[in-house]
PDB file of N, CA and C in Angstrom:
ATOM      1  N   MET A   1     331.533  61.669  49.792  1.00  0.00           N
ATOM      2  CA  MET A   1     332.544  62.164  48.875  1.00  0.00           C
ATOM      3  C   MET A   1     331.922  62.197  47.481  1.00  0.00           C
ATOM      4  N   SER A   2     332.161  63.290  46.793  1.00  0.00           N
ATOM      5  CA  SER A   2     331.547  63.451  45.486  1.00  0.00           C
ATOM      6  C   SER A   2     332.198  62.538  44.449  1.00  0.00           C
ATOM      7  N   THR A   3     331.436  62.268  43.406  1.00  0.00           N
ATOM      8  CA  THR A   3     331.942  61.419  42.317  1.00  0.00           C
ATOM      9  C   THR A   3     333.119  62.085  41.624  1.00  0.00           C
ATOM     10  N   LYS A   4     333.058  63.408  41.476  1.00  0.00           N
ATOM     11  CA  LYS A   4     334.163  64.134  40.846  1.00  0.00           C
ATOM     12  C   LYS A   4     335.455  63.945  41.628  1.00  0.00           C
ATOM     13  N   LEU A   5     335.366  64.069  42.944  1.00  0.00           N
ATOM     14  CA  LEU A   5     336.547  63.903  43.791  1.00  0.00           C
ATOM     15  C   LEU A   5     337.090  62.481  43.696  1.00  0.00           C
ATOM     16  N   THR A   6     336.201  61.509  43.701  1.00  0.00           N
ATOM     17  CA  THR A   6     336.618  60.109  43.590  1.00  0.00           C
ATOM     18  C   THR A   6     337.356  59.861  42.283  1.00  0.00           C
ATOM     19  N   ILE A   7     336.778  60.313  41.187  1.00  0.00           N
ATOM     20  CA  ILE A   7     337.400  60.113  39.876  1.00  0.00           C
ATOM     21  C   ILE A   7     338.735  60.859  39.798  1.00  0.00           C
ATOM     22  N   THR A   8     338.767  62.081  40.326  1.00  0.00           N
ATOM     23  CA  THR A   8     340.005  62.865  40.315  1.00  0.00           C
ATOM     24  C   THR A   8     341.105  62.167  41.107  1.00  0.00           C
ATOM     25  N   LEU A   9     340.775  61.675  42.299  1.00  0.00           N
ATOM     26  CA  LEU A   9     341.767  60.968  43.113  1.00  0.00           C
ATOM     27  C   LEU A   9     342.295  59.729  42.402  1.00  0.00           C
ATOM     28  N   ILE A  10     341.414  58.969  41.815  1.00  0.00           N
ATOM     29  CA  ILE A  10     341.835  57.750  41.119  1.00  0.00           C
ATOM     30  C   ILE A  10     342.719  58.097  39.922  1.00  0.00           C
ATOM     31  N   LEU A  11     342.296  59.068  39.114  1.00  0.00           N
ATOM     32  CA  LEU A  11     343.087  59.454  37.938  1.00  0.00           C
ATOM     33  C   LEU A  11     344.454  59.994  38.334  1.00  0.00           C
ATOM     34  N   LEU A  12     344.509  60.845  39.352  1.00  0.00           N
ATOM     35  CA  LEU A  12     345.793  61.392  39.786  1.00  0.00           C
ATOM     36  C   LEU A  12     346.731  60.302  40.294  1.00  0.00           C
ATOM     37  N   ASN A  13     346.178  59.340  40.993  1.00  0.00           N
ATOM     38  CA  ASN A  13     347.018  58.259  41.505  1.00  0.00           C
ATOM     39  C   ASN A  13     347.474  57.325  40.390  1.00  0.00           C
ATOM     40  N   ILE A  14     346.628  57.106  39.411  1.00  0.00           N
ATOM     41  CA  ILE A  14     347.051  56.291  38.263  1.00  0.00           C
ATOM     42  C   ILE A  14     348.148  57.009  37.486  1.00  0.00           C
ATOM     43  N   ILE A  15     347.988  58.310  37.294  1.00  0.00           N
ATOM     44  CA  ILE A  15     349.034  59.094  36.616  1.00  0.00           C
ATOM     45  C   ILE A  15     350.333  59.055  37.418  1.00  0.00           C
ATOM     46  N   THR A  16     350.219  59.178  38.728  1.00  0.00           N
ATOM     47  CA  THR A  16     351.407  59.095  39.589  1.00  0.00           C
ATOM     48  C   THR A  16     352.088  57.745  39.448  1.00  0.00           C
ATOM     49  N   MET A  17     351.311  56.683  39.451  1.00  0.00           N
ATOM     50  CA  MET A  17     351.881  55.339  39.322  1.00  0.00           C
ATOM     51  C   MET A  17     352.549  55.150  37.957  1.00  0.00           C
ATOM     52  N   LEU A  18     351.946  55.681  36.898  1.00  0.00           N
ATOM     53  CA  LEU A  18     352.557  55.602  35.573  1.00  0.00           C
ATOM     54  C   LEU A  18     353.859  56.397  35.519  1.00  0.00           C
ATOM     55  N   PHE A  19     353.875  57.553  36.153  1.00  0.00           N
ATOM     56  CA  PHE A  19     355.085  58.376  36.207  1.00  0.00           C
ATOM     57  C   PHE A  19     356.194  57.647  36.959  1.00  0.00           C
ATOM     58  N   ILE A  20     355.853  57.036  38.072  1.00  0.00           N
ATOM     59  CA  ILE A  20     356.836  56.274  38.846  1.00  0.00           C
ATOM     60  C   ILE A  20     357.343  55.092  38.019  1.00  0.00           C
ATOM     61  N   TYR A  21     356.427  54.376  37.374  1.00  0.00           N
ATOM     62  CA  TYR A  21     356.817  53.241  36.535  1.00  0.00           C
ATOM     63  C   TYR A  21     357.771  53.692  35.428  1.00  0.00           C
ATOM     64  N   HIS A  22     357.456  54.815  34.798  1.00  0.00           N
ATOM     65  CA  HIS A  22     358.307  55.353  33.733  1.00  0.00           C
ATOM     66  C   HIS A  22     359.716  55.656  34.272  1.00  0.00           C
ATOM     67  N   ASN A  23     359.791  56.251  35.461  1.00  0.00           N
ATOM     68  CA  ASN A  23     361.093  56.566  36.050  1.00  0.00           C
ATOM     69  C   ASN A  23     361.868  55.317  36.455  1.00  0.00           C
ATOM     70  N   VAL A  24     361.163  54.288  36.882  1.00  0.00           N
ATOM     71  CA  VAL A  24     361.840  53.022  37.201  1.00  0.00           C
ATOM     72  C   VAL A  24     362.365  52.392  35.914  1.00  0.00           C
ATOM     73  N   LYS A  25     361.551  52.415  34.886  1.00  0.00           N
ATOM     74  CA  LYS A  25     361.947  51.833  33.603  1.00  0.00           C
ATOM     75  C   LYS A  25     363.155  52.561  33.013  1.00  0.00           C
ATOM     76  N   LYS A  26     363.221  53.876  33.164  1.00  0.00           N
ATOM     77  CA  LYS A  26     364.342  54.676  32.663  1.00  0.00           C
ATOM     78  C   LYS A  26     365.525  54.656  33.633  1.00  0.00           C
ATOM     79  N   LYS A  27     365.382  53.910  34.725  1.00  0.00           N
ATOM     80  CA  LYS A  27     366.419  53.771  35.762  1.00  0.00           C
ATOM     81  C   LYS A  27     366.780  55.104  36.415  1.00  0.00           C
ATOM     82  N   LYS A  28     365.779  55.966  36.568  1.00  0.00           N
ATOM     83  CA  LYS A  28     365.975  57.218  37.280  1.00  0.00           C
ATOM     84  C   LYS A  28     365.699  57.059  38.770  1.00  0.00           C
ATOM     85  N   ILE A  29     365.011  55.973  39.112  1.00  0.00           N
ATOM     86  CA  ILE A  29     364.712  55.677  40.505  1.00  0.00           C
ATOM     87  C   ILE A  29     364.792  54.167  40.690  1.00  0.00           C
ATOM     88  N   ILE A  30     365.298  53.760  41.846  1.00  0.00           N
ATOM     89  CA  ILE A  30     365.437  52.336  42.160  1.00  0.00           C
ATOM     90  C   ILE A  30     364.073  51.796  42.583  1.00  0.00           C
ATOM     91  N   LEU A  31     363.801  50.561  42.202  1.00  0.00           N
ATOM     92  CA  LEU A  31     362.493  49.963  42.458  1.00  0.00           C
ATOM     93  C   LEU A  31     362.113  49.978  43.929  1.00  0.00           C
ATOM     94  N   LYS A  32     363.056  49.681  44.817  1.00  0.00           N
ATOM     95  CA  LYS A  32     362.687  49.613  46.233  1.00  0.00           C
ATOM     96  C   LYS A  32     362.239  50.965  46.771  1.00  0.00           C
ATOM     97  N   TYR A  33     362.745  52.068  46.207  1.00  0.00           N
ATOM     98  CA  TYR A  33     362.286  53.389  46.622  1.00  0.00           C
ATOM     99  C   TYR A  33     360.976  53.751  45.931  1.00  0.00           C
ATOM    100  N   ALA A  34     360.793  53.261  44.736  1.00  0.00           N
ATOM    101  CA  ALA A  34     359.549  53.513  44.013  1.00  0.00           C
ATOM    102  C   ALA A  34     358.378  52.794  44.688  1.00  0.00           C
ATOM    103  N   LEU A  35     358.657  51.677  45.329  1.00  0.00           N
ATOM    104  CA  LEU A  35     357.596  50.925  46.003  1.00  0.00           C
ATOM    105  C   LEU A  35     356.918  51.759  47.095  1.00  0.00           C
ATOM    106  N   ILE A  36     357.671  52.647  47.728  1.00  0.00           N
ATOM    107  CA  ILE A  36     357.084  53.532  48.747  1.00  0.00           C
ATOM    108  C   ILE A  36     355.966  54.362  48.116  1.00  0.00           C
ATOM    109  N   TRP A  37     356.233  54.896  46.927  1.00  0.00           N
ATOM    110  CA  TRP A  37     355.237  55.724  46.244  1.00  0.00           C
ATOM    111  C   TRP A  37     354.086  54.877  45.709  1.00  0.00           C
ATOM    112  N   PHE A  38     354.386  53.667  45.237  1.00  0.00           N
ATOM    113  CA  PHE A  38     353.325  52.777  44.767  1.00  0.00           C
ATOM    114  C   PHE A  38     352.367  52.433  45.906  1.00  0.00           C
ATOM    115  N   VAL A  39     352.914  52.123  47.067  1.00  0.00           N
ATOM    116  CA  VAL A  39     352.074  51.782  48.222  1.00  0.00           C
ATOM    117  C   VAL A  39     351.197  52.975  48.607  1.00  0.00           C
ATOM    118  N   ALA A  40     351.784  54.165  48.609  1.00  0.00           N
ATOM    119  CA  ALA A  40     351.003  55.365  48.939  1.00  0.00           C
ATOM    120  C   ALA A  40     349.866  55.561  47.935  1.00  0.00           C
ATOM    121  N   SER A  41     350.152  55.351  46.665  1.00  0.00           N
ATOM    122  CA  SER A  41     349.117  55.505  45.639  1.00  0.00           C
ATOM    123  C   SER A  41     348.012  54.462  45.799  1.00  0.00           C
ATOM    124  N   VAL A  42     348.381  53.239  46.111  1.00  0.00           N
ATOM    125  CA  VAL A  42     347.383  52.183  46.315  1.00  0.00           C
ATOM    126  C   VAL A  42     346.492  52.523  47.508  1.00  0.00           C
ATOM    127  N   ILE A  43     347.088  53.036  48.574  1.00  0.00           N
ATOM    128  CA  ILE A  43     346.299  53.425  49.751  1.00  0.00           C
ATOM    129  C   ILE A  43     345.301  54.523  49.383  1.00  0.00           C
ATOM    130  N   LEU A  44     345.757  55.497  48.607  1.00  0.00           N
ATOM    131  CA  LEU A  44     344.860  56.594  48.222  1.00  0.00           C
ATOM    132  C   LEU A  44     343.777  56.130  47.255  1.00  0.00           C
ATOM    133  N   ILE A  45     344.095  55.191  46.379  1.00  0.00           N
ATOM    134  CA  ILE A  45     343.062  54.623  45.494  1.00  0.00           C
ATOM    135  C   ILE A  45     342.034  53.862  46.325  1.00  0.00           C
ATOM    136  N   PHE A  46     342.504  53.116  47.326  1.00  0.00           N
ATOM    137  CA  PHE A  46     341.581  52.405  48.222  1.00  0.00           C
ATOM    138  C   PHE A  46     340.651  53.404  48.914  1.00  0.00           C
ATOM    139  N   CYS A  47     341.218  54.512  49.379  1.00  0.00           N
ATOM    140  CA  CYS A  47     340.397  55.545  50.029  1.00  0.00           C
ATOM    141  C   CYS A  47     339.340  56.097  49.070  1.00  0.00           C
ATOM    142  N   ALA A  48     339.741  56.285  47.819  1.00  0.00           N
ATOM    143  CA  ALA A  48     338.807  56.837  46.829  1.00  0.00           C
ATOM    144  C   ALA A  48     337.720  55.833  46.464  1.00  0.00           C
ATOM    145  N   LEU A  49     338.056  54.547  46.462  1.00  0.00           N
ATOM    146  CA  LEU A  49     337.090  53.521  46.057  1.00  0.00           C
ATOM    147  C   LEU A  49     336.134  53.108  47.177  1.00  0.00           C
ATOM    148  N   THR A  50     336.426  53.511  48.394  1.00  0.00           N
ATOM    149  CA  THR A  50     335.558  53.157  49.519  1.00  0.00           C
ATOM    150  C   THR A  50     335.020  54.429  50.184  1.00  0.00           C
ATOM    151  N   PRO A  51     334.203  55.173  49.453  1.00  0.00           N
ATOM    152  CA  PRO A  51     333.733  56.455  50.005  1.00  0.00           C
ATOM    153  C   PRO A  51     332.863  56.305  51.253  1.00  0.00           C
ATOM    154  N   ILE A  52     332.089  55.239  51.321  1.00  0.00           N
ATOM    155  CA  ILE A  52     331.225  55.050  52.496  1.00  0.00           C
ATOM    156  C   ILE A  52     332.080  54.816  53.736  1.00  0.00           C
ATOM    157  N   LEU A  53     333.115  53.991  53.590  1.00  0.00           N
ATOM    158  CA  LEU A  53     334.037  53.743  54.701  1.00  0.00           C
ATOM    159  C   LEU A  53     334.747  55.034  55.099  1.00  0.00           C
ATOM    160  N   MET A  54     335.173  55.808  54.105  1.00  0.00           N
ATOM    161  CA  MET A  54     335.875  57.068  54.379  1.00  0.00           C
ATOM    162  C   MET A  54     334.943  58.077  55.052  1.00  0.00           C
ATOM    163  N   GLU A  55     333.698  58.134  54.600  1.00  0.00           N
ATOM    164  CA  GLU A  55     332.732  59.043  55.227  1.00  0.00           C
ATOM    165  C   GLU A  55     332.465  58.638  56.672  1.00  0.00           C
ATOM    166  N   SER A  56     332.311  57.356  56.916  1.00  0.00           N
ATOM    167  CA  SER A  56     332.099  56.872  58.282  1.00  0.00           C
ATOM    168  C   SER A  56     333.303  57.202  59.162  1.00  0.00           C
ATOM    169  N   LEU A  57     334.491  56.977  58.629  1.00  0.00           N
ATOM    170  CA  LEU A  57     335.712  57.269  59.375  1.00  0.00           C
ATOM    171  C   LEU A  57     335.843  58.771  59.639  1.00  0.00           C
ATOM    172  N   ALA A  58     335.523  59.585  58.636  1.00  0.00           N
ATOM    173  CA  ALA A  58     335.585  61.046  58.805  1.00  0.00           C
ATOM    174  C   ALA A  58     334.606  61.509  59.877  1.00  0.00           C
ATOM    175  N   ASN A  59     333.398  60.967  59.854  1.00  0.00           N
ATOM    176  CA  ASN A  59     332.400  61.323  60.878  1.00  0.00           C
ATOM    177  C   ASN A  59     332.848  60.861  62.253  1.00  0.00           C
ATOM    178  N   PHE A  60     333.423  59.670  62.335  1.00  0.00           N
ATOM    179  CA  PHE A  60     333.887  59.133  63.615  1.00  0.00           C
ATOM    180  C   PHE A  60     335.005  59.993  64.198  1.00  0.00           C
ATOM    181  N   ILE A  61     335.955  60.398  63.337  1.00  0.00           N
ATOM    182  CA  ILE A  61     337.083  61.203  63.806  1.00  0.00           C
ATOM    183  C   ILE A  61     336.646  62.634  64.108  1.00  0.00           C
ATOM    184  N   GLY A  62     335.652  63.136  63.368  1.00  0.00           N
ATOM    185  CA  GLY A  62     335.137  64.469  63.631  1.00  0.00           C
ATOM    186  C   GLY A  62     335.384  65.474  62.517  1.00  0.00           C
ATOM    187  N   PHE A  63     335.717  65.004  61.337  1.00  0.00           N
ATOM    188  CA  PHE A  63     335.899  65.905  60.198  1.00  0.00           C
ATOM    189  C   PHE A  63     334.528  66.295  59.659  1.00  0.00           C
ATOM    190  N   GLU A  64     334.428  67.538  59.208  1.00  0.00           N
ATOM    191  CA  GLU A  64     333.166  67.996  58.640  1.00  0.00           C
ATOM    192  C   GLU A  64     332.941  67.404  57.257  1.00  0.00           C
ATOM    193  N   THR A  65     334.013  67.304  56.469  1.00  0.00           N
ATOM    194  CA  THR A  65     333.887  66.720  55.136  1.00  0.00           C
ATOM    195  C   THR A  65     334.947  65.638  54.951  1.00  0.00           C
ATOM    196  N   THR A  66     334.611  64.685  54.136  1.00  0.00           N
ATOM    197  CA  THR A  66     335.530  63.581  53.858  1.00  0.00           C
ATOM    198  C   THR A  66     336.768  64.072  53.121  1.00  0.00           C
ATOM    199  N   SER A  67     336.596  65.060  52.262  1.00  0.00           N
ATOM    200  CA  SER A  67     337.741  65.570  51.495  1.00  0.00           C
ATOM    201  C   SER A  67     338.806  66.159  52.420  1.00  0.00           C
ATOM    202  N   ASN A  68     338.398  66.757  53.532  1.00  0.00           N
ATOM    203  CA  ASN A  68     339.375  67.273  54.494  1.00  0.00           C
ATOM    204  C   ASN A  68     340.183  66.130  55.107  1.00  0.00           C
ATOM    205  N   MET A  69     339.518  65.034  55.395  1.00  0.00           N
ATOM    206  CA  MET A  69     340.222  63.890  55.962  1.00  0.00           C
ATOM    207  C   MET A  69     341.179  63.283  54.926  1.00  0.00           C
ATOM    208  N   ILE A  70     340.732  63.178  53.677  1.00  0.00           N
ATOM    209  CA  ILE A  70     341.595  62.655  52.607  1.00  0.00           C
ATOM    210  C   ILE A  70     342.822  63.553  52.466  1.00  0.00           C
ATOM    211  N   PHE A  71     342.606  64.869  52.510  1.00  0.00           N
ATOM    212  CA  PHE A  71     343.726  65.807  52.426  1.00  0.00           C
ATOM    213  C   PHE A  71     344.696  65.570  53.577  1.00  0.00           C
ATOM    214  N   LEU A  72     344.182  65.364  54.775  1.00  0.00           N
ATOM    215  CA  LEU A  72     345.042  65.075  55.925  1.00  0.00           C
ATOM    216  C   LEU A  72     345.806  63.770  55.713  1.00  0.00           C
ATOM    217  N   PHE A  73     345.152  62.753  55.170  1.00  0.00           N
ATOM    218  CA  PHE A  73     345.835  61.488  54.876  1.00  0.00           C
ATOM    219  C   PHE A  73     346.965  61.700  53.876  1.00  0.00           C
ATOM    220  N   VAL A  74     346.713  62.494  52.849  1.00  0.00           N
ATOM    221  CA  VAL A  74     347.740  62.762  51.837  1.00  0.00           C
ATOM    222  C   VAL A  74     348.939  63.466  52.476  1.00  0.00           C
ATOM    223  N   VAL A  75     348.668  64.458  53.304  1.00  0.00           N
ATOM    224  CA  VAL A  75     349.751  65.160  53.990  1.00  0.00           C
ATOM    225  C   VAL A  75     350.503  64.191  54.904  1.00  0.00           C
ATOM    226  N   GLY A  76     349.768  63.362  55.625  1.00  0.00           N
ATOM    227  CA  GLY A  76     350.398  62.380  56.510  1.00  0.00           C
ATOM    228  C   GLY A  76     351.263  61.389  55.749  1.00  0.00           C
ATOM    229  N   ILE A  77     350.764  60.896  54.630  1.00  0.00           N
ATOM    230  CA  ILE A  77     351.535  59.961  53.808  1.00  0.00           C
ATOM    231  C   ILE A  77     352.800  60.633  53.297  1.00  0.00           C
ATOM    232  N   ASN A  78     352.686  61.879  52.862  1.00  0.00           N
ATOM    233  CA  ASN A  78     353.868  62.604  52.385  1.00  0.00           C
ATOM    234  C   ASN A  78     354.893  62.829  53.495  1.00  0.00           C
ATOM    235  N   ILE A  79     354.434  63.084  54.695  1.00  0.00           N
ATOM    236  CA  ILE A  79     355.356  63.240  55.818  1.00  0.00           C
ATOM    237  C   ILE A  79     356.074  61.920  56.096  1.00  0.00           C
ATOM    238  N   ILE A  80     355.349  60.821  56.059  1.00  0.00           N
ATOM    239  CA  ILE A  80     355.964  59.504  56.284  1.00  0.00           C
ATOM    240  C   ILE A  80     356.984  59.200  55.192  1.00  0.00           C
ATOM    241  N   ILE A  81     356.621  59.460  53.938  1.00  0.00           N
ATOM    242  CA  ILE A  81     357.546  59.218  52.823  1.00  0.00           C
ATOM    243  C   ILE A  81     358.785  60.097  52.968  1.00  0.00           C
ATOM    244  N   THR A  82     358.587  61.346  53.333  1.00  0.00           N
ATOM    245  CA  THR A  82     359.725  62.248  53.527  1.00  0.00           C
ATOM    246  C   THR A  82     360.645  61.732  54.619  1.00  0.00           C
ATOM    247  N   PHE A  83     360.085  61.239  55.704  1.00  0.00           N
ATOM    248  CA  PHE A  83     360.908  60.690  56.784  1.00  0.00           C
ATOM    249  C   PHE A  83     361.685  59.460  56.318  1.00  0.00           C
ATOM    250  N   ILE A  84     361.007  58.568  55.603  1.00  0.00           N
ATOM    251  CA  ILE A  84     361.680  57.366  55.098  1.00  0.00           C
ATOM    252  C   ILE A  84     362.830  57.746  54.172  1.00  0.00           C
ATOM    253  N   LEU A  85     362.579  58.672  53.255  1.00  0.00           N
ATOM    254  CA  LEU A  85     363.617  59.080  52.314  1.00  0.00           C
ATOM    255  C   LEU A  85     364.746  59.834  53.013  1.00  0.00           C
ATOM    256  N   THR A  86     364.427  60.607  54.045  1.00  0.00           N
ATOM    257  CA  THR A  86     365.469  61.285  54.822  1.00  0.00           C
ATOM    258  C   THR A  86     366.358  60.265  55.523  1.00  0.00           C
ATOM    259  N   THR A  87     365.757  59.214  56.046  1.00  0.00           N
ATOM    260  CA  THR A  87     366.529  58.147  56.683  1.00  0.00           C
ATOM    261  C   THR A  87     367.454  57.474  55.673  1.00  0.00           C
ATOM    262  N   ILE A  88     366.933  57.201  54.491  1.00  0.00           N
ATOM    263  CA  ILE A  88     367.737  56.577  53.437  1.00  0.00           C
ATOM    264  C   ILE A  88     368.899  57.485  53.049  1.00  0.00           C
ATOM    265  N   ILE A  89     368.629  58.771  52.882  1.00  0.00           N
ATOM    266  CA  ILE A  89     369.681  59.725  52.517  1.00  0.00           C
ATOM    267  C   ILE A  89     370.745  59.787  53.609  1.00  0.00           C
ATOM    268  N   SER A  90     370.325  59.803  54.859  1.00  0.00           N
ATOM    269  CA  SER A  90     371.286  59.848  55.964  1.00  0.00           C
ATOM    270  C   SER A  90     372.177  58.619  55.970  1.00  0.00           C
ATOM    271  N   ASN A  91     371.578  57.457  55.765  1.00  0.00           N
ATOM    272  CA  ASN A  91     372.372  56.224  55.713  1.00  0.00           C
ATOM    273  C   ASN A  91     373.349  56.246  54.547  1.00  0.00           C
ATOM    274  N   GLN A  92     372.899  56.727  53.398  1.00  0.00           N
ATOM    275  CA  GLN A  92     373.776  56.815  52.231  1.00  0.00           C
ATOM    276  C   GLN A  92     374.926  57.790  52.485  1.00  0.00           C
ATOM    277  N   LYS A  93     374.642  58.896  53.155  1.00  0.00           N
ATOM    278  CA  LYS A  93     375.689  59.873  53.466  1.00  0.00           C
ATOM    279  C   LYS A  93     376.741  59.240  54.367  1.00  0.00           C
ATOM    280  N   ASN A  94     376.305  58.482  55.365  1.00  0.00           N
ATOM    281  CA  ASN A  94     377.260  57.812  56.249  1.00  0.00           C
ATOM    282  C   ASN A  94     378.108  56.802  55.477  1.00  0.00           C
ATOM    283  N   LYS A  95     377.481  56.060  54.584  1.00  0.00           N
ATOM    284  CA  LYS A  95     378.228  55.086  53.776  1.00  0.00           C
ATOM    285  C   LYS A  95     379.230  55.780  52.855  1.00  0.00           C
ATOM    286  N   ILE A  96     378.837  56.899  52.268  1.00  0.00           N
ATOM    287  CA  ILE A  96     379.731  57.645  51.381  1.00  0.00           C
ATOM    288  C   ILE A  96     380.917  58.197  52.170  1.00  0.00           C
ATOM    289  N   THR A  97     380.655  58.731  53.365  1.00  0.00           N
ATOM    290  CA  THR A  97     381.735  59.246  54.202  1.00  0.00           C
ATOM    291  C   THR A  97     382.729  58.140  54.540  1.00  0.00           C
ATOM    292  N   THR A  98     382.222  56.978  54.929  1.00  0.00           N
ATOM    293  CA  THR A  98     383.088  55.846  55.240  1.00  0.00           C
ATOM    294  C   THR A  98     383.884  55.418  54.010  1.00  0.00           C
ATOM    295  N   LEU A  99     383.241  55.367  52.869  1.00  0.00           N
ATOM    296  CA  LEU A  99     383.910  54.980  51.631  1.00  0.00           C
ATOM    297  C   LEU A  99     385.025  55.961  51.280  1.00  0.00           C
ATOM    298  N   ILE A 100     384.763  57.259  51.412  1.00  0.00           N
ATOM    299  CA  ILE A 100     385.777  58.277  51.120  1.00  0.00           C
ATOM    300  C   ILE A 100     386.956  58.141  52.077  1.00  0.00           C
ATOM    301  N   GLN A 101     386.677  57.887  53.341  1.00  0.00           N
ATOM    302  CA  GLN A 101     387.751  57.714  54.316  1.00  0.00           C
ATOM    303  C   GLN A 101     388.598  56.487  53.989  1.00  0.00           C
ATOM    304  N   GLU A 102     387.940  55.391  53.638  1.00  0.00           N
ATOM    305  CA  GLU A 102     388.672  54.178  53.284  1.00  0.00           C
ATOM    306  C   GLU A 102     389.497  54.391  52.016  1.00  0.00           C
ATOM    307  N   LEU A 103     388.948  55.096  51.049  1.00  0.00           N
ATOM    308  CA  LEU A 103     389.676  55.402  49.818  1.00  0.00           C
ATOM    309  C   LEU A 103     390.893  56.269  50.118  1.00  0.00           C
ATOM    310  N   GLY A 104     390.741  57.241  51.006  1.00  0.00           N
ATOM    311  CA  GLY A 104     391.870  58.078  51.410  1.00  0.00           C
ATOM    312  C   GLY A 104     392.977  57.268  52.060  1.00  0.00           C
ATOM    313  N   ILE A 105     392.591  56.310  52.896  1.00  0.00           N
ATOM    314  CA  ILE A 105     393.581  55.442  53.556  1.00  0.00           C
ATOM    315  C   ILE A 105     394.314  54.599  52.515  1.00  0.00           C
ATOM    316  N   VAL A 106     393.580  54.023  51.569  1.00  0.00           N
ATOM    317  CA  VAL A 106     394.187  53.196  50.521  1.00  0.00           C
ATOM    318  C   VAL A 106     395.134  54.042  49.679  1.00  0.00           C
ATOM    319  N   LYS A 107     394.736  55.242  49.298  1.00  0.00           N
ATOM    320  CA  LYS A 107     395.606  56.117  48.508  1.00  0.00           C
ATOM    321  C   LYS A 107     396.876  56.462  49.279  1.00  0.00           C
ATOM    322  N   GLU A 108     396.718  56.735  50.556  1.00  0.00           N
ATOM    323  CA  GLU A 108     397.887  57.051  51.394  1.00  0.00           C
ATOM    324  C   GLU A 108     398.832  55.864  51.473  1.00  0.00           C
ATOM    325  N   GLN A 109     398.276  54.669  51.616  1.00  0.00           N
ATOM    326  CA  GLN A 109     399.120  53.465  51.658  1.00  0.00           C
ATOM    327  C   GLN A 109     399.816  53.253  50.336  1.00  0.00           C
ATOM    328  N   LEU A 110     399.145  53.494  49.218  1.00  0.00           N
ATOM    329  CA  LEU A 110     399.777  53.352  47.904  1.00  0.00           C
ATOM    330  C   LEU A 110     400.890  54.376  47.707  1.00  0.00           C
ATOM    331  N   ASN A 111     400.681  55.601  48.161  1.00  0.00           N
ATOM    332  CA  ASN A 111     401.716  56.638  48.056  1.00  0.00           C
ATOM    333  C   ASN A 111     402.930  56.319  48.920  1.00  0.00           C
ATOM    334  N   ASN A 112     402.696  55.726  50.099  1.00  0.00           N
ATOM    335  CA  ASN A 112     403.806  55.359  50.987  1.00  0.00           C
ATOM    336  C   ASN A 112     404.607  54.185  50.440  1.00  0.00           C
ATOM    337  N   ASP A 113     403.930  53.290  49.707  1.00  0.00           N
ATOM    338  CA  ASP A 113     404.611  52.120  49.133  1.00  0.00           C
ATOM    339  C   ASP A 113     405.519  52.499  47.970  1.00  0.00           C
ATOM    340  N   LYS A 114     405.285  53.614  47.330  1.00  0.00           N
ATOM    341  CA  LYS A 114     406.101  54.015  46.187  1.00  0.00           C
ATOM    342  C   LYS A 114     407.366  54.597  46.592  1.00  0.00           C
TER     343      LYS A 114
END
């Protein structure tokens, strides 16, 4: 893996981590959800800092270049994050539906009591 690619990966991940930190600080994102992105960034920084390991792994798996394998890892990490966030959204939707139903029942009971 070239030095340019290594430096670019590290810088992009540091910028990503700073952006996530800024959003957590501004309360635009909850910390537990931000941790998913922090972990992904740490994994990618580890990949960038261990080029010999990544090259060996790329050769073992059968990739022609290490950058192709890193790209596949990035896509894979994004798919995993998307699945995790989709699960969270689905759970939140179910909770909101239940809450709305319970609120409707309470309102109906209050209207009947009057």
